[in-house]
Amino acid sequence: MAAEKRLRTLAVPHNEIDHAKILVATGNKDKEPEQFQARVIVYARPEDMEVTETDYRLVEALDKALAEIERQIHEKY
């Protein structure tokens, strides 16, 4: 999976990262068109980070969430 590979590559130089979780879900089914929600949680020392992004395409929502968590990690460490 490409998302897992991105997170593993990110974790190599950052030993503060313990593990990560990716959650994907559909948004509000009452709305048209339906949106997807991607949530990336990184468990790291000294504090965990979490990003949630939405988009009409699942891949785009996940890509935006991963890009934002990567930006935060590079900024923090």
N, C-alpha and C. Protein backbone atom coordinates (compact mmCIF):
# COMPACT_ATOMS: atom_id res chain seq x y z
N MET A 1 0.84 -1.17 0.00
CA MET A 1 0.00 0.00 0.00
C MET A 1 0.89 1.24 0.00
N ALA A 2 0.58 2.19 -0.84
CA ALA A 2 1.38 3.40 -0.98
C ALA A 2 1.38 4.24 0.29
N ALA A 3 0.25 4.31 0.97
CA ALA A 3 0.17 5.10 2.20
C ALA A 3 1.09 4.53 3.28
N GLU A 4 1.10 3.23 3.41
CA GLU A 4 1.98 2.59 4.39
C GLU A 4 3.44 2.85 4.04
N LYS A 5 3.78 2.80 2.76
CA LYS A 5 5.15 3.05 2.34
C LYS A 5 5.56 4.49 2.66
N ARG A 6 4.65 5.45 2.44
CA ARG A 6 4.97 6.84 2.77
C ARG A 6 5.23 7.01 4.26
N LEU A 7 4.42 6.37 5.08
CA LEU A 7 4.61 6.49 6.53
C LEU A 7 5.89 5.80 6.99
N ARG A 8 6.19 4.64 6.41
CA ARG A 8 7.44 3.96 6.77
C ARG A 8 8.66 4.79 6.38
N THR A 9 8.63 5.37 5.20
CA THR A 9 9.73 6.23 4.75
C THR A 9 9.89 7.43 5.66
N LEU A 10 8.79 7.97 6.11
CA LEU A 10 8.81 9.11 7.02
C LEU A 10 9.37 8.72 8.39
N ALA A 11 9.08 7.52 8.84
CA ALA A 11 9.49 7.09 10.17
C ALA A 11 10.98 6.76 10.27
N VAL A 12 11.62 6.43 9.16
CA VAL A 12 13.02 6.03 9.20
C VAL A 12 13.92 7.10 9.83
N PRO A 13 13.89 8.35 9.36
CA PRO A 13 14.78 9.33 10.00
C PRO A 13 14.24 9.92 11.30
N HIS A 14 13.00 9.58 11.63
CA HIS A 14 12.38 10.16 12.82
C HIS A 14 12.08 9.04 13.83
N ASN A 15 13.04 8.75 14.68
CA ASN A 15 12.85 7.66 15.63
C ASN A 15 11.88 8.02 16.75
N GLU A 16 11.36 9.25 16.74
CA GLU A 16 10.35 9.65 17.71
C GLU A 16 9.01 8.97 17.40
N ILE A 17 8.83 8.53 16.16
CA ILE A 17 7.57 7.93 15.72
C ILE A 17 7.53 6.47 16.15
N ASP A 18 6.49 6.13 16.89
CA ASP A 18 6.31 4.77 17.35
C ASP A 18 5.50 3.96 16.35
N HIS A 19 4.30 4.44 16.03
CA HIS A 19 3.48 3.78 15.02
C HIS A 19 2.42 4.76 14.53
N ALA A 20 1.68 4.33 13.51
CA ALA A 20 0.67 5.22 12.92
C ALA A 20 -0.58 4.41 12.61
N LYS A 21 -1.68 5.15 12.43
CA LYS A 21 -2.96 4.53 12.11
C LYS A 21 -3.61 5.35 11.02
N ILE A 22 -4.20 4.67 10.03
CA ILE A 22 -4.94 5.33 8.97
C ILE A 22 -6.37 4.85 9.02
N LEU A 23 -7.30 5.77 9.09
CA LEU A 23 -8.72 5.45 9.11
C LEU A 23 -9.39 6.16 7.95
N VAL A 24 -10.20 5.43 7.19
CA VAL A 24 -10.95 6.05 6.10
C VAL A 24 -12.43 5.72 6.28
N ALA A 25 -13.27 6.68 5.94
CA ALA A 25 -14.71 6.50 6.09
C ALA A 25 -15.44 7.38 5.10
N THR A 26 -16.69 7.05 4.88
CA THR A 26 -17.52 7.93 4.07
C THR A 26 -18.06 9.01 4.99
N GLY A 27 -18.29 10.15 4.40
CA GLY A 27 -18.81 11.27 5.18
C GLY A 27 -20.30 11.14 5.39
N ASN A 28 -20.98 12.24 5.49
CA ASN A 28 -22.41 12.28 5.73
C ASN A 28 -23.16 11.74 4.51
N LYS A 29 -23.85 10.62 4.66
CA LYS A 29 -24.54 9.99 3.55
C LYS A 29 -25.77 10.76 3.11
N ASP A 30 -26.24 11.71 3.93
CA ASP A 30 -27.40 12.51 3.56
C ASP A 30 -27.03 13.61 2.56
N LYS A 31 -25.75 13.93 2.47
CA LYS A 31 -25.31 14.97 1.55
C LYS A 31 -25.00 14.36 0.19
N GLU A 32 -25.26 15.09 -0.85
CA GLU A 32 -24.89 14.68 -2.20
C GLU A 32 -23.96 15.72 -2.78
N PRO A 33 -22.91 15.41 -3.44
CA PRO A 33 -22.33 14.08 -3.51
C PRO A 33 -21.61 13.71 -2.22
N GLU A 34 -21.47 12.45 -2.00
CA GLU A 34 -20.87 11.93 -0.78
C GLU A 34 -19.37 12.24 -0.74
N GLN A 35 -18.88 12.60 0.43
CA GLN A 35 -17.45 12.86 0.60
C GLN A 35 -16.82 11.75 1.43
N PHE A 36 -15.54 11.57 1.23
CA PHE A 36 -14.77 10.61 2.01
C PHE A 36 -13.92 11.35 3.02
N GLN A 37 -13.64 10.69 4.11
CA GLN A 37 -12.83 11.27 5.17
C GLN A 37 -11.64 10.35 5.41
N ALA A 38 -10.45 10.93 5.42
CA ALA A 38 -9.22 10.18 5.72
C ALA A 38 -8.60 10.79 6.97
N ARG A 39 -8.27 9.94 7.90
CA ARG A 39 -7.68 10.38 9.17
C ARG A 39 -6.37 9.64 9.37
N VAL A 40 -5.31 10.38 9.63
CA VAL A 40 -4.00 9.79 9.88
C VAL A 40 -3.57 10.20 11.28
N ILE A 41 -3.26 9.20 12.09
CA ILE A 41 -2.81 9.44 13.46
C ILE A 41 -1.39 8.88 13.58
N VAL A 42 -0.48 9.72 14.04
CA VAL A 42 0.91 9.30 14.25
C VAL A 42 1.18 9.36 15.74
N TYR A 43 1.57 8.23 16.29
CA TYR A 43 1.92 8.14 17.70
C TYR A 43 3.42 8.38 17.82
N ALA A 44 3.77 9.52 18.41
CA ALA A 44 5.17 9.92 18.49
C ALA A 44 5.44 10.57 19.83
N ARG A 45 6.73 10.62 20.18
CA ARG A 45 7.13 11.32 21.39
C ARG A 45 7.47 12.75 21.05
N PRO A 46 7.16 13.73 21.78
CA PRO A 46 6.49 13.70 23.07
C PRO A 46 4.98 13.76 22.96
N GLU A 47 4.43 14.06 21.79
CA GLU A 47 2.97 14.08 21.68
C GLU A 47 2.53 13.54 20.32
N ASP A 48 1.36 12.93 20.29
CA ASP A 48 0.82 12.36 19.07
C ASP A 48 0.29 13.47 18.15
N MET A 49 0.17 13.14 16.87
CA MET A 49 -0.35 14.08 15.89
C MET A 49 -1.50 13.42 15.13
N GLU A 50 -2.46 14.23 14.74
CA GLU A 50 -3.63 13.70 14.03
C GLU A 50 -4.09 14.70 12.98
N VAL A 51 -4.40 14.19 11.80
CA VAL A 51 -4.89 15.02 10.70
C VAL A 51 -6.10 14.34 10.09
N THR A 52 -7.13 15.12 9.79
CA THR A 52 -8.31 14.62 9.10
C THR A 52 -8.57 15.50 7.89
N GLU A 53 -8.74 14.87 6.73
CA GLU A 53 -9.03 15.59 5.50
C GLU A 53 -10.22 14.94 4.80
N THR A 54 -10.98 15.72 4.06
CA THR A 54 -12.11 15.19 3.31
C THR A 54 -11.99 15.57 1.84
N ASP A 55 -12.58 14.74 0.99
CA ASP A 55 -12.61 15.00 -0.44
C ASP A 55 -13.67 14.10 -1.06
N TYR A 56 -14.05 14.44 -2.27
CA TYR A 56 -15.04 13.63 -2.99
C TYR A 56 -14.42 12.33 -3.51
N ARG A 57 -13.09 12.28 -3.54
CA ARG A 57 -12.38 11.06 -3.95
C ARG A 57 -11.56 10.57 -2.76
N LEU A 58 -11.67 9.31 -2.48
CA LEU A 58 -10.98 8.72 -1.33
C LEU A 58 -9.47 8.89 -1.43
N VAL A 59 -8.92 8.63 -2.60
CA VAL A 59 -7.46 8.72 -2.78
C VAL A 59 -6.98 10.15 -2.51
N GLU A 60 -7.75 11.14 -2.96
CA GLU A 60 -7.36 12.53 -2.73
C GLU A 60 -7.42 12.90 -1.26
N ALA A 61 -8.44 12.43 -0.56
CA ALA A 61 -8.55 12.71 0.87
C ALA A 61 -7.36 12.12 1.62
N LEU A 62 -7.01 10.89 1.28
CA LEU A 62 -5.88 10.23 1.93
C LEU A 62 -4.57 10.93 1.58
N ASP A 63 -4.40 11.31 0.33
CA ASP A 63 -3.18 11.99 -0.09
C ASP A 63 -3.02 13.32 0.64
N LYS A 64 -4.10 14.07 0.79
CA LYS A 64 -4.04 15.35 1.50
C LYS A 64 -3.69 15.14 2.98
N ALA A 65 -4.28 14.12 3.60
CA ALA A 65 -4.00 13.85 5.00
C ALA A 65 -2.54 13.44 5.21
N LEU A 66 -2.03 12.59 4.32
CA LEU A 66 -0.63 12.17 4.43
C LEU A 66 0.32 13.35 4.20
N ALA A 67 0.00 14.18 3.22
CA ALA A 67 0.85 15.34 2.95
C ALA A 67 0.90 16.28 4.15
N GLU A 68 -0.24 16.48 4.79
CA GLU A 68 -0.29 17.37 5.95
C GLU A 68 0.47 16.78 7.14
N ILE A 69 0.33 15.48 7.38
CA ILE A 69 1.06 14.87 8.51
C ILE A 69 2.56 14.88 8.23
N GLU A 70 2.95 14.68 6.98
CA GLU A 70 4.37 14.76 6.62
C GLU A 70 4.90 16.17 6.88
N ARG A 71 4.13 17.18 6.49
CA ARG A 71 4.54 18.56 6.71
C ARG A 71 4.71 18.85 8.20
N GLN A 72 3.75 18.39 9.00
CA GLN A 72 3.83 18.62 10.45
C GLN A 72 5.03 17.93 11.07
N ILE A 73 5.31 16.73 10.65
CA ILE A 73 6.44 15.99 11.22
C ILE A 73 7.75 16.66 10.84
N HIS A 74 7.89 17.06 9.58
CA HIS A 74 9.14 17.74 9.15
C HIS A 74 9.29 19.06 9.88
N GLU A 75 8.20 19.74 10.13
CA GLU A 75 8.25 21.02 10.83
C GLU A 75 8.63 20.82 12.30
N LYS A 76 8.10 19.78 12.90
CA LYS A 76 8.32 19.54 14.33
C LYS A 76 9.70 18.94 14.63
N TYR A 77 10.15 18.03 13.78
CA TYR A 77 11.42 17.34 14.04
C TYR A 77 12.47 17.79 13.06
